[in-house]
Amino acid sequence: MKIRLDTKKIYLAMAEKGLTATEIARNGGVSQQAVSNALNGNRVGRVKVVPAICQALGVSAKDIVIIED
């Protein structure tokens, strides 16, 4: 099982809210590099990254997480 983020949805929500990866990281208490890695599809990284993104964008994890077999 592989977990990845729906980056298209995330980038769209970021644009709508006028947020950057740095602002998401700061608000969520995670590093900017962790958010950047997740958004670039390199890896989701720490478990805290998804909740930080969800909180900043006002979305749920099921809206942005894709689970592949």
N, C-alpha and C. Protein backbone atom coordinates (compact mmCIF):
# COMPACT_ATOMS: atom_id res chain seq x y z
N MET A 1 0.84 -1.18 0.00
CA MET A 1 0.00 0.00 0.00
C MET A 1 0.89 1.24 0.00
N LYS A 2 0.54 2.16 -0.87
CA LYS A 2 1.30 3.39 -0.99
C LYS A 2 0.37 4.57 -0.74
N ILE A 3 0.86 5.54 0.02
CA ILE A 3 0.09 6.74 0.31
C ILE A 3 0.74 7.91 -0.38
N ARG A 4 -0.07 8.69 -1.10
CA ARG A 4 0.44 9.90 -1.72
C ARG A 4 -0.62 10.99 -1.60
N LEU A 5 -0.21 12.20 -1.84
CA LEU A 5 -1.11 13.33 -1.73
C LEU A 5 -1.63 13.74 -3.10
N ASP A 6 -2.85 14.21 -3.13
CA ASP A 6 -3.43 14.75 -4.35
C ASP A 6 -2.96 16.20 -4.45
N THR A 7 -1.79 16.39 -5.01
CA THR A 7 -1.15 17.70 -5.02
C THR A 7 -1.93 18.72 -5.84
N LYS A 8 -2.67 18.27 -6.84
CA LYS A 8 -3.48 19.22 -7.63
C LYS A 8 -4.52 19.89 -6.74
N LYS A 9 -5.20 19.10 -5.91
CA LYS A 9 -6.19 19.66 -4.99
C LYS A 9 -5.52 20.57 -3.97
N ILE A 10 -4.36 20.17 -3.49
CA ILE A 10 -3.66 20.96 -2.48
C ILE A 10 -3.22 22.30 -3.06
N TYR A 11 -2.61 22.28 -4.23
CA TYR A 11 -2.15 23.53 -4.84
C TYR A 11 -3.33 24.45 -5.17
N LEU A 12 -4.46 23.88 -5.58
CA LEU A 12 -5.64 24.68 -5.87
C LEU A 12 -6.14 25.36 -4.58
N ALA A 13 -6.21 24.60 -3.50
CA ALA A 13 -6.66 25.15 -2.22
C ALA A 13 -5.66 26.20 -1.71
N MET A 14 -4.38 25.96 -1.91
CA MET A 14 -3.36 26.94 -1.51
C MET A 14 -3.56 28.25 -2.26
N ALA A 15 -3.81 28.14 -3.55
CA ALA A 15 -4.01 29.35 -4.37
C ALA A 15 -5.26 30.10 -3.93
N GLU A 16 -6.33 29.35 -3.65
CA GLU A 16 -7.58 29.97 -3.22
C GLU A 16 -7.42 30.71 -1.89
N LYS A 17 -6.61 30.15 -0.99
CA LYS A 17 -6.41 30.76 0.32
C LYS A 17 -5.20 31.70 0.36
N GLY A 18 -4.42 31.71 -0.71
CA GLY A 18 -3.25 32.57 -0.76
C GLY A 18 -2.15 32.14 0.19
N LEU A 19 -1.98 30.84 0.36
CA LEU A 19 -0.97 30.31 1.28
C LEU A 19 0.21 29.71 0.54
N THR A 20 1.36 29.79 1.15
CA THR A 20 2.57 29.15 0.62
C THR A 20 2.89 27.93 1.48
N ALA A 21 3.79 27.11 0.98
CA ALA A 21 4.24 25.94 1.74
C ALA A 21 4.88 26.37 3.06
N THR A 22 5.59 27.48 3.04
CA THR A 22 6.23 27.99 4.26
C THR A 22 5.18 28.37 5.30
N GLU A 23 4.10 28.99 4.86
CA GLU A 23 3.04 29.38 5.80
C GLU A 23 2.32 28.15 6.35
N ILE A 24 2.10 27.16 5.52
CA ILE A 24 1.48 25.91 5.99
C ILE A 24 2.37 25.26 7.04
N ALA A 25 3.66 25.21 6.76
CA ALA A 25 4.60 24.60 7.70
C ALA A 25 4.61 25.35 9.03
N ARG A 26 4.69 26.66 8.95
CA ARG A 26 4.73 27.48 10.16
C ARG A 26 3.47 27.28 10.99
N ASN A 27 2.31 27.31 10.35
CA ASN A 27 1.05 27.15 11.07
C ASN A 27 0.86 25.75 11.62
N GLY A 28 1.41 24.76 10.93
CA GLY A 28 1.23 23.37 11.33
C GLY A 28 2.31 22.81 12.22
N GLY A 29 3.35 23.59 12.48
CA GLY A 29 4.41 23.12 13.36
C GLY A 29 5.30 22.06 12.76
N VAL A 30 5.44 22.08 11.44
CA VAL A 30 6.34 21.15 10.76
C VAL A 30 7.33 21.96 9.95
N SER A 31 8.35 21.31 9.46
CA SER A 31 9.36 22.03 8.69
C SER A 31 8.86 22.35 7.28
N GLN A 32 9.39 23.42 6.73
CA GLN A 32 9.05 23.79 5.37
C GLN A 32 9.50 22.70 4.41
N GLN A 33 10.63 22.08 4.71
CA GLN A 33 11.16 21.02 3.85
C GLN A 33 10.22 19.81 3.83
N ALA A 34 9.62 19.49 4.98
CA ALA A 34 8.68 18.37 5.04
C ALA A 34 7.46 18.64 4.17
N VAL A 35 6.93 19.86 4.24
CA VAL A 35 5.79 20.22 3.41
C VAL A 35 6.18 20.22 1.93
N SER A 36 7.34 20.78 1.63
CA SER A 36 7.82 20.83 0.26
C SER A 36 8.00 19.42 -0.31
N ASN A 37 8.60 18.52 0.47
CA ASN A 37 8.77 17.14 0.01
C ASN A 37 7.43 16.48 -0.29
N ALA A 38 6.46 16.70 0.59
CA ALA A 38 5.14 16.10 0.39
C ALA A 38 4.48 16.67 -0.86
N LEU A 39 4.60 17.97 -1.07
CA LEU A 39 3.96 18.60 -2.23
C LEU A 39 4.65 18.25 -3.55
N ASN A 40 5.92 17.96 -3.49
CA ASN A 40 6.65 17.59 -4.70
C ASN A 40 6.53 16.11 -5.03
N GLY A 41 5.81 15.39 -4.19
CA GLY A 41 5.60 13.97 -4.44
C GLY A 41 6.77 13.09 -4.06
N ASN A 42 7.77 13.68 -3.41
CA ASN A 42 8.94 12.89 -3.01
C ASN A 42 8.58 11.87 -1.94
N ARG A 43 7.83 12.33 -0.95
CA ARG A 43 7.36 11.45 0.12
C ARG A 43 6.44 12.25 1.02
N VAL A 44 5.55 11.53 1.68
CA VAL A 44 4.64 12.20 2.60
C VAL A 44 5.41 12.59 3.85
N GLY A 45 6.40 11.79 4.22
CA GLY A 45 7.23 12.15 5.37
C GLY A 45 6.54 11.89 6.68
N ARG A 46 6.81 12.76 7.63
CA ARG A 46 6.26 12.56 8.96
C ARG A 46 4.73 12.60 8.93
N VAL A 47 4.16 11.91 9.88
CA VAL A 47 2.72 11.83 9.97
C VAL A 47 2.10 13.21 10.20
N LYS A 48 2.83 14.12 10.79
CA LYS A 48 2.31 15.45 11.11
C LYS A 48 2.08 16.32 9.87
N VAL A 49 2.67 15.98 8.76
CA VAL A 49 2.56 16.82 7.56
C VAL A 49 1.13 16.88 7.05
N VAL A 50 0.46 15.75 6.96
CA VAL A 50 -0.91 15.73 6.44
C VAL A 50 -1.84 16.55 7.32
N PRO A 51 -1.85 16.36 8.64
CA PRO A 51 -2.72 17.20 9.47
C PRO A 51 -2.39 18.69 9.36
N ALA A 52 -1.12 19.03 9.22
CA ALA A 52 -0.73 20.44 9.08
C ALA A 52 -1.31 21.04 7.81
N ILE A 53 -1.25 20.30 6.71
CA ILE A 53 -1.80 20.76 5.45
C ILE A 53 -3.33 20.87 5.56
N CYS A 54 -3.95 19.86 6.13
CA CYS A 54 -5.41 19.87 6.28
C CYS A 54 -5.89 21.05 7.11
N GLN A 55 -5.24 21.28 8.22
CA GLN A 55 -5.63 22.37 9.10
C GLN A 55 -5.48 23.72 8.40
N ALA A 56 -4.37 23.92 7.75
CA ALA A 56 -4.12 25.21 7.09
C ALA A 56 -5.09 25.48 5.95
N LEU A 57 -5.49 24.42 5.25
CA LEU A 57 -6.34 24.59 4.08
C LEU A 57 -7.82 24.37 4.37
N GLY A 58 -8.13 23.88 5.56
CA GLY A 58 -9.52 23.63 5.90
C GLY A 58 -10.14 22.48 5.14
N VAL A 59 -9.34 21.44 4.92
CA VAL A 59 -9.82 20.24 4.23
C VAL A 59 -9.59 19.04 5.12
N SER A 60 -10.23 17.92 4.80
CA SER A 60 -9.98 16.70 5.56
C SER A 60 -8.94 15.85 4.84
N ALA A 61 -8.37 14.93 5.57
CA ALA A 61 -7.34 14.06 4.98
C ALA A 61 -7.90 13.24 3.83
N LYS A 62 -9.16 12.81 3.94
CA LYS A 62 -9.74 12.01 2.85
C LYS A 62 -9.90 12.81 1.57
N ASP A 63 -9.84 14.15 1.67
CA ASP A 63 -9.92 14.99 0.47
C ASP A 63 -8.59 15.07 -0.26
N ILE A 64 -7.47 14.87 0.43
CA ILE A 64 -6.17 15.09 -0.20
C ILE A 64 -5.26 13.86 -0.22
N VAL A 65 -5.63 12.79 0.49
CA VAL A 65 -4.78 11.59 0.55
C VAL A 65 -5.31 10.55 -0.41
N ILE A 66 -4.41 9.99 -1.19
CA ILE A 66 -4.75 8.92 -2.12
C ILE A 66 -4.01 7.66 -1.65
N ILE A 67 -4.77 6.59 -1.44
CA ILE A 67 -4.17 5.31 -1.02
C ILE A 67 -4.22 4.37 -2.21
N GLU A 68 -3.03 3.90 -2.59
CA GLU A 68 -2.92 2.99 -3.74
C GLU A 68 -2.48 1.62 -3.25
N ASP A 69 -2.97 0.60 -3.92
CA ASP A 69 -2.58 -0.77 -3.56
C ASP A 69 -1.25 -1.12 -4.16
